[in-house]
């Protein structure tokens, strides 16, 4: 479809009155909920289901208030919400109705919010690696009988940074596809009609939306891609947007899969000698490390997290994020695939779309809103720490110890995007200069004082200091011109 220009504030979700702009994400959420309703009714449960568009309620809070008024419950039981604002809305609605309510722990996580707060204790600089090791010790995940980590090391990240050679990855097993059933087809038609002017596509929708399909997707990953996941988890190739990644995050976030069973399946493959320790540990770390850690950090630091802006970034999000219309091949490819599939793996998000926004100086909350809008696995507890914290360094180092910055040379090393681009990743000035490289040096120049003494960035700042003054001035001029051009396209 032709992508119409869509700036985020103009599009609002009819359920929660929040700005969302992408069709495939909400199609998957509504689809899974409708299948869940059918499953509950098949078990004999009485379900009060309010279909999108079939009720007059503008927000979930208003809908809850209406249901309380109609059903007159004596007590409300709710699973921990995945969003701080929703938790406050439930409190407010119940208080207004003089209704007692109980919040029960979400069993689709390995740790609880309270456990994370206890772990935080008096820590001034929490780190995911420390949390990850503590959880493994407590749960016994990938731990040997003698109390040491399986394989002898806690972390095999050093083995998981390989890139493909010029010939590319070769044959990569495709993830199992799930064709639409009657409920999915109904939701597809509804979304296509109601949100025809929103960006994104529906024709490639093949995500699992039932528990049975999610279990098949899990086994498909374990059988066909886990083995090679570790070495190439950071690699990128333009004709293979999925590569060896599991594509299970959406199923876990929608609670079709429990993270414990996902981890158990990966460890079983290791014990059966069907996957190496580096691949299994790297995959387990994404779940028991990052996933659990970002959730805990979200609830610990909200609501301040949403407004963090340690670097003072205020630029609007470039329009290319909604269209993919750019001569930067890496951004063009990743945004194009995102609009088509609702998915990009972590390096595409962190080191391409996120990196450009960080170097350009986009307002962190705008970057977060975009990620929340376009990816099918995005919920606020995931996106706030990962985007505002890790990707944009707007929390000043709470999520990660340093900003993830790099020039175009990193993208060239880890992908084949630069081979099809008119820009040269080695150049920072001139007509062929890679905007990533220009903005990388400009970022270091603008934030020199902040990072000159930073242990993990001091060498990069010293490299900046080796440039001649006239070279730095040329970089500043080129960066200013780039910002001016993208601002003009935003207006257009």
Protein backbone atom coordinates (compact mmCIF):
# COMPACT_ATOMS: atom_id res chain seq x y z
CA UNK A 1 0.00 0.00 0.00
CA UNK A 2 1.05 3.60 -0.39
CA UNK A 3 2.13 4.98 2.95
CA UNK A 4 0.35 8.19 3.78
CA UNK A 5 2.17 10.72 5.89
CA UNK A 6 1.16 10.07 9.49
CA UNK A 7 2.50 11.99 12.43
CA UNK A 8 1.92 10.11 15.67
CA UNK A 9 -0.22 12.63 17.60
CA UNK A 10 -2.86 12.58 14.84
CA UNK A 11 -3.67 8.90 15.36
CA UNK A 12 -5.39 7.71 18.53
CA UNK A 13 -6.28 4.25 19.73
CA UNK A 14 -10.05 3.91 20.23
CA UNK A 15 -9.52 1.65 23.25
CA UNK A 16 -7.12 3.66 25.39
CA UNK A 17 -7.14 7.09 23.68
CA UNK A 18 -3.37 6.97 23.29
CA UNK A 19 -1.53 7.80 20.08
CA UNK A 20 -0.82 4.72 18.04
CA UNK A 21 -0.38 4.71 14.32
CA UNK A 22 0.33 1.24 13.04
CA UNK A 23 -2.26 -1.26 11.91
CA UNK A 24 -0.54 -4.63 12.25
CA UNK A 25 0.32 -4.18 15.93
CA UNK A 26 -3.26 -3.63 17.02
CA UNK A 27 -4.51 -6.27 14.64
CA UNK A 28 -2.38 -8.86 16.49
CA UNK A 29 -3.49 -7.66 19.94
CA UNK A 30 -7.20 -7.71 19.08
CA UNK A 31 -6.83 -11.02 17.25
CA UNK A 32 -5.20 -12.74 20.25
CA UNK A 33 -7.81 -11.33 22.64
CA UNK A 34 -10.68 -12.60 20.51
CA UNK A 35 -9.14 -16.07 20.32
CA UNK A 36 -8.62 -15.97 24.10
CA UNK A 37 -12.28 -15.09 24.61
CA UNK A 38 -13.32 -18.12 22.54
CA UNK A 39 -10.96 -20.37 24.52
CA UNK A 40 -12.37 -19.14 27.85
CA UNK A 41 -15.97 -19.59 26.72
CA UNK A 42 -15.11 -23.13 25.57
CA UNK A 43 -14.05 -23.84 29.16
CA UNK A 44 -17.42 -22.62 30.45
CA UNK A 45 -16.24 -19.21 31.66
CA UNK A 46 -18.57 -16.23 31.50
CA UNK A 47 -16.75 -13.47 29.57
CA UNK A 48 -17.79 -9.83 29.44
CA UNK A 49 -16.08 -8.85 26.20
CA UNK A 50 -16.21 -5.34 24.74
CA UNK A 51 -15.28 -5.46 21.06
CA UNK A 52 -13.36 -2.52 19.62
CA UNK A 53 -15.69 -0.18 17.83
CA UNK A 54 -18.80 -1.93 19.16
CA UNK A 55 -18.98 0.11 22.37
CA UNK A 56 -18.99 3.87 23.01
CA UNK A 57 -16.16 3.92 25.55
CA UNK A 58 -13.17 6.04 24.58
CA UNK A 59 -10.70 4.55 27.03
CA UNK A 60 -10.15 1.35 28.95
CA UNK A 61 -10.78 3.22 32.21
CA UNK A 62 -14.20 4.40 30.99
CA UNK A 63 -15.02 0.88 29.79
CA UNK A 64 -14.04 -0.57 33.18
CA UNK A 65 -16.21 1.97 34.99
CA UNK A 66 -19.14 1.06 32.75
CA UNK A 67 -18.65 -2.68 33.34
CA UNK A 68 -18.49 -2.15 37.11
CA UNK A 69 -21.72 -0.14 36.98
CA UNK A 70 -23.46 -2.82 34.89
CA UNK A 71 -22.17 -5.97 36.59
CA UNK A 72 -22.03 -4.61 40.17
CA UNK A 73 -19.18 -6.85 41.41
CA UNK A 74 -18.42 -7.07 45.12
CA UNK A 75 -14.70 -7.23 44.56
CA UNK A 76 -12.31 -6.81 41.61
CA UNK A 77 -9.31 -9.08 40.96
CA UNK A 78 -6.77 -7.97 38.38
CA UNK A 79 -3.43 -9.30 37.20
CA UNK A 80 -0.59 -6.78 37.43
CA UNK A 81 -1.02 -4.39 34.47
CA UNK A 82 1.85 -3.90 32.06
CA UNK A 83 1.60 -0.14 32.16
CA UNK A 84 1.95 2.37 34.99
CA UNK A 85 -0.85 4.59 33.70
CA UNK A 86 -3.27 1.67 33.50
CA UNK A 87 -2.46 0.66 37.08
CA UNK A 88 -3.29 4.19 38.24
CA UNK A 89 -6.50 4.17 36.16
CA UNK A 90 -7.68 0.97 37.85
CA UNK A 91 -7.01 2.48 41.28
CA UNK A 92 -8.91 5.64 40.33
CA UNK A 93 -11.91 3.82 38.84
CA UNK A 94 -12.25 1.47 41.82
CA UNK A 95 -11.93 4.33 44.28
CA UNK A 96 -14.69 6.25 42.48
CA UNK A 97 -16.93 3.16 42.61
CA UNK A 98 -16.01 2.42 46.26
CA UNK A 99 -14.97 -1.03 45.05
CA UNK A 100 -12.24 -3.04 46.71
CA UNK A 101 -9.72 -4.62 44.37
CA UNK A 102 -6.82 -7.03 44.51
CA UNK A 103 -3.74 -7.04 42.26
CA UNK A 104 -2.26 -10.47 41.74
CA UNK A 105 1.28 -11.16 40.60
CA UNK A 106 1.76 -11.84 36.90
CA UNK A 107 2.82 -15.47 36.59
CA UNK A 108 4.24 -14.88 33.11
CA UNK A 109 7.46 -13.55 34.61
CA UNK A 110 10.23 -15.28 36.53
CA UNK A 111 10.72 -12.52 39.08
CA UNK A 112 8.25 -10.20 40.75
CA UNK A 113 8.26 -6.42 40.97
CA UNK A 114 8.81 -6.70 44.72
CA UNK A 115 11.78 -9.04 44.24
CA UNK A 116 13.36 -6.56 41.87
CA UNK A 117 12.91 -3.71 44.34
CA UNK A 118 14.48 -5.81 47.06
CA UNK A 119 17.42 -6.60 44.77
CA UNK A 120 17.86 -2.93 43.95
CA UNK A 121 18.29 -2.15 47.64
CA UNK A 122 20.81 0.64 48.01
CA UNK A 123 22.34 0.14 44.53
CA UNK A 124 23.15 3.46 42.90
CA UNK A 125 24.22 1.90 39.61
CA UNK A 126 22.16 -1.23 38.89
CA UNK A 127 23.46 -3.44 36.09
CA UNK A 128 21.64 -6.11 34.18
CA UNK A 129 24.56 -8.54 34.35
CA UNK A 130 24.50 -8.50 38.17
CA UNK A 131 20.74 -9.03 38.21
CA UNK A 132 21.00 -11.79 35.61
CA UNK A 133 23.52 -13.74 37.68
CA UNK A 134 21.48 -13.32 40.85
CA UNK A 135 18.34 -14.69 39.15
CA UNK A 136 20.22 -17.64 37.70
CA UNK A 137 21.64 -18.48 41.12
CA UNK A 138 18.20 -18.25 42.70
CA UNK A 139 16.40 -20.28 40.03
CA UNK A 140 19.17 -22.71 39.08
CA UNK A 141 18.79 -21.87 35.39
CA UNK A 142 21.93 -22.92 33.48
CA UNK A 143 23.68 -23.69 36.77
CA UNK A 144 25.85 -26.77 37.32
CA UNK A 145 25.57 -29.00 40.39
CA UNK A 146 28.64 -27.38 41.98
CA UNK A 147 26.98 -23.94 41.93
CA UNK A 148 29.03 -22.71 38.99
CA UNK A 149 27.50 -21.48 35.71
CA UNK A 150 26.90 -24.13 33.07
CA UNK A 151 29.89 -24.35 30.77
CA UNK A 152 32.11 -22.44 33.18
CA UNK A 153 31.17 -18.89 32.18
CA UNK A 154 28.28 -16.62 33.06
CA UNK A 155 28.20 -14.83 29.74
CA UNK A 156 29.17 -15.91 26.22
CA UNK A 157 28.58 -12.55 24.59
CA UNK A 158 32.14 -12.53 23.28
CA UNK A 159 31.25 -15.54 21.10
CA UNK A 160 28.04 -13.98 19.80
CA UNK A 161 29.23 -11.03 17.73
CA UNK A 162 29.98 -12.60 14.37
CA UNK A 163 29.03 -11.00 11.07
CA UNK A 164 28.38 -12.76 7.78
CA UNK A 165 30.99 -12.74 5.07
CA UNK A 166 30.37 -11.13 1.70
CA UNK A 167 28.49 -14.19 0.42
CA UNK A 168 25.90 -13.71 3.15
CA UNK A 169 24.22 -16.14 5.54
CA UNK A 170 23.26 -18.68 2.91
CA UNK A 171 20.17 -20.75 3.62
CA UNK A 172 18.26 -19.62 6.72
CA UNK A 173 15.25 -21.70 7.85
CA UNK A 174 12.16 -19.51 7.71
CA UNK A 175 9.95 -19.23 10.81
CA UNK A 176 6.75 -21.24 10.76
CA UNK A 177 3.88 -19.24 9.25
CA UNK A 178 0.34 -19.23 10.62
CA UNK A 179 -2.36 -18.55 8.07
CA UNK A 180 -5.49 -16.63 9.15
CA UNK A 181 -8.42 -18.56 10.52
CA UNK A 182 -11.97 -17.16 10.57
CA UNK A 183 -11.40 -14.93 13.62
CA UNK A 184 -8.12 -13.61 12.24
CA UNK A 185 -9.70 -12.91 8.86
CA UNK A 186 -12.50 -10.98 10.57
CA UNK A 187 -10.01 -8.82 12.47
CA UNK A 188 -7.94 -8.25 9.32
CA UNK A 189 -10.98 -6.98 7.50
CA UNK A 190 -12.00 -4.72 10.38
CA UNK A 191 -8.54 -3.18 10.70
CA UNK A 192 -8.17 -2.73 6.93
CA UNK A 193 -11.45 -0.85 6.77
CA UNK A 194 -11.25 1.21 9.95
CA UNK A 195 -7.58 2.15 9.78
CA UNK A 196 -7.02 2.36 6.03
CA UNK A 197 -5.02 5.58 6.33
CA UNK A 198 -2.61 4.28 8.98
CA UNK A 199 0.90 3.24 7.96
CA UNK A 200 1.86 -0.40 7.70
CA UNK A 201 0.70 -3.50 5.85
CA UNK A 202 -1.48 -6.47 6.69
CA UNK A 203 -0.84 -8.76 3.72
CA UNK A 204 2.11 -10.51 5.37
CA UNK A 205 0.39 -11.15 8.72
CA UNK A 206 1.40 -14.62 9.87
CA UNK A 207 1.99 -14.34 13.61
CA UNK A 208 0.78 -16.99 16.09
CA UNK A 209 -2.33 -15.73 17.88
CA UNK A 210 -3.31 -18.83 19.87
CA UNK A 211 -1.42 -20.78 22.51
CA UNK A 212 -1.33 -23.87 20.32
CA UNK A 213 0.28 -21.94 17.47
CA UNK A 214 2.70 -20.22 19.86
CA UNK A 215 3.92 -23.61 21.10
CA UNK A 216 4.49 -24.67 17.50
CA UNK A 217 6.45 -21.45 16.88
CA UNK A 218 8.59 -22.15 19.95
CA UNK A 219 9.44 -25.67 18.83
CA UNK A 220 10.16 -24.42 15.31
CA UNK A 221 12.75 -22.00 16.68
CA UNK A 222 14.35 -24.63 18.91
CA UNK A 223 14.54 -27.14 16.06
CA UNK A 224 15.72 -24.89 13.24
CA UNK A 225 17.33 -21.64 14.39
CA UNK A 226 18.49 -21.78 18.02
CA UNK A 227 21.73 -23.55 17.10
CA UNK A 228 22.97 -20.61 14.97
CA UNK A 229 21.26 -17.88 16.98
CA UNK A 230 24.19 -17.12 19.28
CA UNK A 231 27.04 -16.39 16.86
CA UNK A 232 24.85 -14.32 14.55
CA UNK A 233 22.43 -12.64 16.96
CA UNK A 234 24.03 -9.23 16.21
CA UNK A 235 24.39 -9.76 12.46
CA UNK A 236 22.17 -8.06 9.87
CA UNK A 237 21.44 -8.95 6.24
CA UNK A 238 19.04 -7.00 4.04
CA UNK A 239 17.31 -9.98 2.38
CA UNK A 240 16.90 -11.84 5.70
CA UNK A 241 15.19 -9.53 8.22
CA UNK A 242 14.49 -12.39 10.65
CA UNK A 243 17.67 -14.47 10.34
CA UNK A 244 18.00 -16.83 13.34
CA UNK A 245 15.91 -14.82 15.81
CA UNK A 246 13.08 -16.54 17.63
CA UNK A 247 10.28 -14.03 16.95
CA UNK A 248 8.71 -15.22 20.22
CA UNK A 249 8.68 -11.93 22.14
CA UNK A 250 5.16 -11.03 21.02
CA UNK A 251 3.82 -14.43 22.10
CA UNK A 252 5.44 -14.02 25.52
CA UNK A 253 4.26 -10.43 25.96
CA UNK A 254 0.72 -11.45 25.01
CA UNK A 255 1.07 -14.36 27.49
CA UNK A 256 0.62 -17.13 24.96
CA UNK A 257 3.95 -18.51 26.17
CA UNK A 258 5.41 -18.58 29.66
CA UNK A 259 9.09 -17.57 29.75
CA UNK A 260 9.86 -20.59 31.94
CA UNK A 261 8.77 -23.03 29.25
CA UNK A 262 10.69 -21.10 26.60
CA UNK A 263 13.87 -21.26 28.70
CA UNK A 264 13.30 -24.94 29.51
CA UNK A 265 12.97 -25.77 25.82
CA UNK A 266 16.25 -24.02 25.00
CA UNK A 267 18.13 -25.71 27.87
CA UNK A 268 16.71 -29.10 26.86
CA UNK A 269 18.19 -28.55 23.39
CA UNK A 270 21.58 -27.84 24.98
CA UNK A 271 21.48 -30.96 27.14
CA UNK A 272 20.50 -32.99 24.07
CA UNK A 273 23.56 -31.52 22.26
CA UNK A 274 21.34 -29.88 19.66
CA UNK A 275 22.51 -26.33 20.41
CA UNK A 276 25.82 -24.94 21.75
CA UNK A 277 26.12 -23.25 25.13
CA UNK A 278 26.86 -19.84 23.55
CA UNK A 279 23.57 -19.86 21.62
CA UNK A 280 21.51 -21.16 24.54
CA UNK A 281 23.04 -18.81 27.11
CA UNK A 282 22.67 -15.83 24.76
CA UNK A 283 19.00 -16.66 24.23
CA UNK A 284 18.34 -17.30 27.93
CA UNK A 285 20.03 -13.99 28.77
CA UNK A 286 17.56 -12.15 26.54
CA UNK A 287 14.72 -13.53 28.66
CA UNK A 288 15.97 -14.05 32.21
CA UNK A 289 18.30 -11.06 31.88
CA UNK A 290 16.98 -8.28 29.69
CA UNK A 291 13.25 -9.06 29.74
CA UNK A 292 13.02 -9.45 33.51
CA UNK A 293 15.42 -6.59 34.17
CA UNK A 294 13.66 -3.98 32.02
CA UNK A 295 10.31 -4.83 33.59
CA UNK A 296 11.70 -4.38 37.09
CA UNK A 297 13.45 -1.16 36.16
CA UNK A 298 10.28 0.20 34.54
CA UNK A 299 8.18 -0.19 37.70
CA UNK A 300 11.03 1.03 39.90
CA UNK A 301 11.58 4.26 37.96
CA UNK A 302 8.06 5.19 36.81
CA UNK A 303 6.48 7.64 36.22
CA UNK A 304 9.64 9.78 35.92
CA UNK A 305 11.06 7.47 33.24
CA UNK A 306 8.76 8.77 30.51
CA UNK A 307 10.12 12.30 30.79
CA UNK A 308 13.82 11.49 31.22
CA UNK A 309 15.96 13.49 28.80
CA UNK A 310 19.50 13.57 30.20
CA UNK A 311 21.05 14.70 26.92
CA UNK A 312 18.55 17.48 26.29
CA UNK A 313 17.42 16.09 22.91
CA UNK A 314 14.48 18.03 21.48
CA UNK A 315 14.39 17.39 17.70
CA UNK A 316 11.14 15.98 16.27
CA UNK A 317 11.14 12.45 14.89
CA UNK A 318 12.07 12.58 11.18
CA UNK A 319 9.22 11.73 8.82
CA UNK A 320 11.31 8.95 7.28
CA UNK A 321 10.47 6.79 10.30
CA UNK A 322 6.89 6.57 9.00
CA UNK A 323 7.71 6.07 5.32
CA UNK A 324 11.23 4.66 4.90
CA UNK A 325 11.77 7.42 2.34
CA UNK A 326 15.50 8.04 2.69
CA UNK A 327 18.69 7.42 0.73
CA UNK A 328 20.29 5.91 3.84
CA UNK A 329 19.92 2.30 2.79
CA UNK A 330 20.06 0.84 6.30
CA UNK A 331 17.24 3.05 7.57
CA UNK A 332 15.26 2.55 4.37
CA UNK A 333 15.48 -1.23 4.66
CA UNK A 334 14.74 -1.46 8.38
CA UNK A 335 11.79 0.94 8.30
CA UNK A 336 10.45 -0.79 5.17
CA UNK A 337 10.63 -4.20 6.86
CA UNK A 338 9.11 -2.78 10.04
CA UNK A 339 6.12 -1.40 8.15
CA UNK A 340 5.68 -4.70 6.34
CA UNK A 341 6.20 -7.12 9.23
CA UNK A 342 5.89 -5.20 12.50
CA UNK A 343 9.23 -6.61 13.51
CA UNK A 344 12.94 -5.82 13.61
CA UNK A 345 15.51 -7.64 15.68
CA UNK A 346 17.42 -5.97 18.51
CA UNK A 347 20.42 -4.75 16.50
CA UNK A 348 18.20 -3.20 13.85
CA UNK A 349 16.29 -1.40 16.61
CA UNK A 350 19.27 -0.41 18.78
CA UNK A 351 22.00 0.25 16.24
CA UNK A 352 20.06 1.56 13.23
CA UNK A 353 16.71 3.19 14.03
CA UNK A 354 17.65 3.92 17.64
CA UNK A 355 21.21 4.97 16.85
CA UNK A 356 20.16 7.48 14.22
CA UNK A 357 17.59 9.04 16.55
CA UNK A 358 20.18 9.27 19.34
CA UNK A 359 22.85 10.86 17.14
CA UNK A 360 20.31 13.18 15.50
CA UNK A 361 19.03 14.35 18.89
CA UNK A 362 15.37 13.29 18.67
CA UNK A 363 13.26 13.88 21.76
CA UNK A 364 13.37 10.53 23.62
CA UNK A 365 9.64 10.41 24.29
CA UNK A 366 8.97 10.71 20.55
CA UNK A 367 11.32 7.82 19.81
CA UNK A 368 9.60 5.74 22.49
CA UNK A 369 6.18 6.54 21.04
CA UNK A 370 7.31 5.37 17.60
CA UNK A 371 8.63 2.06 18.89
CA UNK A 372 5.48 1.57 20.92
CA UNK A 373 3.40 2.19 17.80
CA UNK A 374 5.11 0.05 15.19
CA UNK A 375 6.28 -3.21 16.76
CA UNK A 376 3.92 -6.08 17.51
CA UNK A 377 5.84 -7.04 20.65
CA UNK A 378 5.89 -3.51 22.10
CA UNK A 379 4.30 -2.82 25.46
CA UNK A 380 5.23 0.11 27.66
CA UNK A 381 7.15 -1.82 30.33
CA UNK A 382 9.42 -3.12 27.55
CA UNK A 383 9.81 0.02 25.48
CA UNK A 384 10.43 2.67 28.14
CA UNK A 385 13.67 1.21 29.57
CA UNK A 386 14.84 -0.18 26.24
CA UNK A 387 14.17 2.97 24.23
CA UNK A 388 14.38 5.93 26.60
CA UNK A 389 17.05 4.21 28.68
CA UNK A 390 19.23 1.92 26.60
CA UNK A 391 18.70 3.25 23.09
CA UNK A 392 18.56 6.99 23.77
CA UNK A 393 20.56 7.16 27.05
CA UNK A 394 17.94 9.62 28.27
CA UNK A 395 18.02 8.19 31.81
CA UNK A 396 21.66 9.24 32.12
CA UNK A 397 22.99 5.72 32.62
CA UNK A 398 20.36 3.93 34.71
CA UNK A 399 19.60 1.26 32.10
CA UNK A 400 23.03 1.08 30.47
CA UNK A 401 26.41 2.37 31.56
CA UNK A 402 27.08 4.21 28.29
CA UNK A 403 25.24 5.46 25.21
CA UNK A 404 25.31 2.97 22.35
CA UNK A 405 26.94 5.19 19.73
CA UNK A 406 28.82 4.20 16.60
CA UNK A 407 29.62 5.53 13.16
CA UNK A 408 28.47 4.05 9.88
CA UNK A 409 31.47 1.73 10.02
CA UNK A 410 29.72 -0.41 12.65
CA UNK A 411 26.72 -0.89 10.35
CA UNK A 412 29.08 -1.70 7.49
CA UNK A 413 30.87 -4.31 9.62
CA UNK A 414 27.70 -6.05 10.84
CA UNK A 415 25.55 -5.90 7.69
CA UNK A 416 25.49 -5.60 3.91
CA UNK A 417 23.38 -2.42 3.97
CA UNK A 418 26.29 -0.15 3.06
CA UNK A 419 27.03 -2.10 -0.14
CA UNK A 420 23.77 -0.83 -1.61
CA UNK A 421 24.00 2.73 -0.28
CA UNK A 422 25.14 5.91 -2.00
CA UNK A 423 26.87 7.03 1.20
CA UNK A 424 30.35 5.99 2.31
CA UNK A 425 30.48 4.94 6.00
CA UNK A 426 34.14 6.00 6.20
CA UNK A 427 33.37 9.63 5.32
CA UNK A 428 32.06 12.26 7.74
CA UNK A 429 31.96 15.25 5.37
CA UNK A 430 31.28 15.83 1.71
CA UNK A 431 28.46 14.72 -0.63
CA UNK A 432 29.08 11.00 -0.03
CA UNK A 433 29.49 11.26 3.75
CA UNK A 434 27.40 8.76 5.71
CA UNK A 435 24.94 10.68 7.92
CA UNK A 436 25.58 8.17 10.72
CA UNK A 437 29.30 8.96 10.62
CA UNK A 438 28.75 12.70 10.44
CA UNK A 439 26.33 12.64 13.36
CA UNK A 440 28.54 10.27 15.36
CA UNK A 441 31.38 12.81 15.46
CA UNK A 442 28.90 15.63 15.94
CA UNK A 443 27.40 13.79 18.94
CA UNK A 444 30.82 13.40 20.55
CA UNK A 445 31.57 17.07 19.86
CA UNK A 446 28.27 18.27 21.36
CA UNK A 447 28.61 16.06 24.45
CA UNK A 448 32.38 16.17 24.81
CA UNK A 449 32.32 17.60 28.32
CA UNK A 450 29.88 14.98 29.59
CA UNK A 451 31.76 11.98 28.24
CA UNK A 452 35.42 13.09 28.29
CA UNK A 453 35.93 11.34 31.61
CA UNK A 454 33.61 8.39 30.97
CA UNK A 455 35.56 5.13 31.31
CA UNK A 456 33.81 3.46 28.38
CA UNK A 457 33.80 6.48 26.05
CA UNK A 458 37.08 8.19 26.83
CA UNK A 459 38.86 6.61 23.84
CA UNK A 460 36.15 7.77 21.45
CA UNK A 461 36.43 11.32 22.79
CA UNK A 462 40.21 11.13 22.41
CA UNK A 463 39.74 10.11 18.77
CA UNK A 464 37.62 13.23 18.33
CA UNK A 465 40.40 15.31 19.87
CA UNK A 466 42.80 14.00 17.23
CA UNK A 467 40.78 15.63 14.46
CA UNK A 468 41.98 18.99 13.20
CA UNK A 469 39.84 21.99 14.23
CA UNK A 470 38.84 22.64 10.61
CA UNK A 471 37.68 19.01 10.29
CA UNK A 472 35.50 19.34 13.40
CA UNK A 473 34.02 22.57 12.09
CA UNK A 474 33.23 20.89 8.77
CA UNK A 475 31.45 18.10 10.64
CA UNK A 476 29.41 20.63 12.59
CA UNK A 477 28.39 22.36 9.36
CA UNK A 478 27.41 19.11 7.65
CA UNK A 479 25.43 17.93 10.69
CA UNK A 480 23.55 21.24 10.83
CA UNK A 481 22.72 20.96 7.14
CA UNK A 482 21.45 17.41 7.62
CA UNK A 483 19.15 18.52 10.44
CA UNK A 484 17.88 21.37 8.31
CA UNK A 485 17.09 19.04 5.40
CA UNK A 486 15.19 16.54 7.55
CA UNK A 487 13.30 19.35 9.30
CA UNK A 488 12.22 20.64 5.89
CA UNK A 489 10.98 17.16 4.91
CA UNK A 490 9.00 16.95 8.17
CA UNK A 491 7.19 20.17 7.29
CA UNK A 492 6.61 19.02 3.71
